């Protein structure tokens, strides 16, 4: 079963880029701003601590 994920970016507060259903290995989001802090939330299991902030640099995710 796929999970639901919401992706946010930081611009004077968290702004949503939408919700996608999928697995943890591939979630294609479009129109993601460059050079910004991102936050991915698992909406199906919010209590499992699956929220992670990251950046996307040189074609790779850098998790914090």
N, C-alpha and C. Protein backbone atom coordinates (compact mmCIF):
# COMPACT_ATOMS: atom_id res chain seq x y z
N UNK A 1 0.84 -1.18 0.00
CA UNK A 1 0.00 0.00 0.00
C UNK A 1 0.89 1.25 0.00
N UNK A 2 0.55 2.19 -0.82
CA UNK A 2 1.29 3.45 -0.90
C UNK A 2 0.92 4.39 0.23
N UNK A 3 1.84 5.24 0.58
CA UNK A 3 1.60 6.29 1.57
C UNK A 3 1.30 7.60 0.86
N UNK A 4 0.74 8.55 1.58
CA UNK A 4 0.52 9.90 1.06
C UNK A 4 1.56 10.82 1.67
N UNK A 5 2.18 11.62 0.81
CA UNK A 5 3.23 12.54 1.24
C UNK A 5 2.90 13.94 0.78
N UNK A 6 3.22 14.92 1.62
CA UNK A 6 3.08 16.32 1.25
C UNK A 6 4.45 16.97 1.32
N UNK A 7 4.78 17.71 0.26
CA UNK A 7 6.07 18.37 0.19
C UNK A 7 5.87 19.87 0.39
N UNK A 8 6.70 20.44 1.26
CA UNK A 8 6.66 21.87 1.55
C UNK A 8 8.00 22.50 1.23
N UNK A 9 8.00 23.78 0.92
CA UNK A 9 9.24 24.54 0.79
C UNK A 9 9.13 25.77 1.68
N UNK A 10 10.30 26.29 2.08
CA UNK A 10 10.35 27.42 3.00
C UNK A 10 10.46 28.73 2.23
N UNK A 11 9.51 29.61 2.46
CA UNK A 11 9.55 30.98 1.94
C UNK A 11 8.80 31.85 2.93
N UNK A 12 9.51 32.30 3.96
CA UNK A 12 8.89 33.05 5.06
C UNK A 12 7.76 32.26 5.70
N UNK A 13 7.91 30.97 5.77
CA UNK A 13 6.92 30.03 6.30
C UNK A 13 6.83 28.84 5.36
N UNK A 14 6.28 27.72 5.84
CA UNK A 14 6.16 26.52 5.01
C UNK A 14 5.01 26.67 4.03
N UNK A 15 5.27 26.40 2.75
CA UNK A 15 4.27 26.47 1.69
C UNK A 15 4.20 25.11 0.99
N UNK A 16 2.99 24.63 0.80
CA UNK A 16 2.79 23.30 0.24
C UNK A 16 2.99 23.28 -1.27
N UNK A 17 3.63 22.21 -1.74
CA UNK A 17 3.75 21.94 -3.17
C UNK A 17 2.79 20.84 -3.60
N UNK A 18 1.96 20.38 -2.68
CA UNK A 18 0.95 19.38 -3.02
C UNK A 18 1.18 18.05 -2.33
N UNK A 19 0.25 17.15 -2.59
CA UNK A 19 0.26 15.81 -2.00
C UNK A 19 0.40 14.78 -3.12
N UNK A 20 1.23 13.78 -2.88
CA UNK A 20 1.44 12.69 -3.82
C UNK A 20 1.30 11.37 -3.09
N UNK A 21 0.82 10.37 -3.79
CA UNK A 21 0.79 9.02 -3.25
C UNK A 21 1.89 8.22 -3.90
N UNK A 22 2.58 7.43 -3.11
CA UNK A 22 3.65 6.62 -3.66
C UNK A 22 4.42 5.94 -2.56
N UNK A 23 5.58 5.43 -2.91
CA UNK A 23 6.43 4.80 -1.91
C UNK A 23 7.56 5.76 -1.55
N UNK A 24 8.33 5.39 -0.60
CA UNK A 24 9.37 6.29 -0.09
C UNK A 24 10.56 6.44 -1.03
N UNK A 25 10.64 5.64 -2.06
CA UNK A 25 11.82 5.71 -2.93
C UNK A 25 11.62 6.61 -4.14
N UNK A 26 10.37 6.93 -4.49
CA UNK A 26 10.15 7.75 -5.68
C UNK A 26 8.88 8.57 -5.55
N UNK A 27 9.05 9.89 -5.44
CA UNK A 27 7.91 10.81 -5.36
C UNK A 27 8.19 12.00 -6.27
N UNK A 28 7.73 11.96 -7.51
CA UNK A 28 8.03 13.07 -8.42
C UNK A 28 7.16 14.29 -8.17
N UNK A 29 7.74 15.35 -7.66
CA UNK A 29 7.08 16.63 -7.52
C UNK A 29 7.64 17.57 -8.58
N UNK A 30 6.80 18.46 -9.09
CA UNK A 30 7.22 19.38 -10.14
C UNK A 30 7.15 20.81 -9.63
N UNK A 31 7.84 21.71 -10.30
CA UNK A 31 7.86 23.14 -9.96
C UNK A 31 8.38 23.41 -8.56
N UNK A 32 9.36 22.64 -8.14
CA UNK A 32 9.99 22.83 -6.83
C UNK A 32 11.00 23.98 -6.97
N UNK A 33 10.90 25.01 -6.13
CA UNK A 33 11.84 26.12 -6.21
C UNK A 33 13.27 25.67 -5.95
N UNK A 34 14.21 26.30 -6.63
CA UNK A 34 15.63 26.02 -6.44
C UNK A 34 16.15 26.69 -5.18
N UNK A 35 17.20 26.13 -4.62
CA UNK A 35 17.92 26.73 -3.49
C UNK A 35 17.00 27.06 -2.31
N UNK A 36 16.22 26.10 -1.90
CA UNK A 36 15.32 26.32 -0.77
C UNK A 36 15.32 25.10 0.14
N UNK A 37 14.91 25.30 1.36
CA UNK A 37 14.77 24.23 2.33
C UNK A 37 13.44 23.53 2.06
N UNK A 38 13.45 22.20 2.06
CA UNK A 38 12.25 21.41 1.79
C UNK A 38 11.91 20.55 2.99
N UNK A 39 10.62 20.23 3.11
CA UNK A 39 10.13 19.38 4.20
C UNK A 39 9.16 18.37 3.60
N UNK A 40 9.39 17.09 3.86
CA UNK A 40 8.52 16.03 3.37
C UNK A 40 7.79 15.42 4.55
N UNK A 41 6.45 15.38 4.47
CA UNK A 41 5.64 14.80 5.55
C UNK A 41 4.90 13.58 5.04
N UNK A 42 4.92 12.51 5.84
CA UNK A 42 4.13 11.32 5.55
C UNK A 42 2.76 11.54 6.21
N UNK A 43 1.72 11.69 5.41
CA UNK A 43 0.38 12.00 5.94
C UNK A 43 -0.33 10.77 6.48
N UNK A 44 0.06 9.61 6.01
CA UNK A 44 -0.58 8.38 6.48
C UNK A 44 -0.08 7.98 7.87
N UNK A 45 1.18 8.24 8.13
CA UNK A 45 1.79 7.86 9.41
C UNK A 45 2.49 9.07 10.04
N UNK A 46 1.76 10.13 10.36
CA UNK A 46 2.42 11.34 10.89
C UNK A 46 3.10 11.12 12.24
N UNK A 47 2.69 10.13 12.97
CA UNK A 47 3.26 9.90 14.29
C UNK A 47 4.57 9.13 14.25
N UNK A 48 4.98 8.63 13.08
CA UNK A 48 6.19 7.80 13.05
C UNK A 48 7.48 8.59 12.90
N UNK A 49 7.39 9.92 12.93
CA UNK A 49 8.59 10.74 12.85
C UNK A 49 9.20 10.78 11.46
N UNK A 50 8.38 10.57 10.44
CA UNK A 50 8.88 10.49 9.07
C UNK A 50 9.11 11.86 8.44
N UNK A 51 8.92 12.94 9.17
CA UNK A 51 9.16 14.27 8.62
C UNK A 51 10.65 14.53 8.58
N UNK A 52 11.13 14.99 7.42
CA UNK A 52 12.55 15.26 7.26
C UNK A 52 12.71 16.55 6.48
N UNK A 53 13.65 17.39 6.90
CA UNK A 53 13.98 18.55 6.10
C UNK A 53 15.21 18.22 5.27
N UNK A 54 15.27 18.83 4.08
CA UNK A 54 16.38 18.55 3.18
C UNK A 54 16.50 19.66 2.14
N UNK A 55 17.60 19.64 1.45
CA UNK A 55 17.81 20.49 0.28
C UNK A 55 18.08 19.56 -0.90
N UNK A 56 18.01 20.10 -2.08
CA UNK A 56 18.30 19.34 -3.29
C UNK A 56 19.41 20.07 -4.00
N UNK A 57 20.60 19.48 -4.00
CA UNK A 57 21.80 20.13 -4.54
C UNK A 57 22.53 19.20 -5.50
N UNK A 58 22.87 19.71 -6.65
CA UNK A 58 23.63 18.94 -7.65
C UNK A 58 22.96 17.60 -7.95
N UNK A 59 21.63 17.61 -8.04
CA UNK A 59 20.90 16.40 -8.39
C UNK A 59 20.76 15.38 -7.27
N UNK A 60 21.12 15.77 -6.03
CA UNK A 60 21.04 14.85 -4.89
C UNK A 60 20.34 15.50 -3.71
N UNK A 61 19.64 14.67 -2.94
CA UNK A 61 19.02 15.15 -1.71
C UNK A 61 20.08 15.19 -0.62
N UNK A 62 20.05 16.25 0.16
CA UNK A 62 20.90 16.36 1.33
C UNK A 62 19.98 16.48 2.54
N UNK A 63 19.89 15.40 3.30
CA UNK A 63 18.98 15.32 4.46
C UNK A 63 19.62 15.94 5.69
N UNK A 64 18.79 16.57 6.51
CA UNK A 64 19.25 17.17 7.78
C UNK A 64 18.53 16.51 8.94
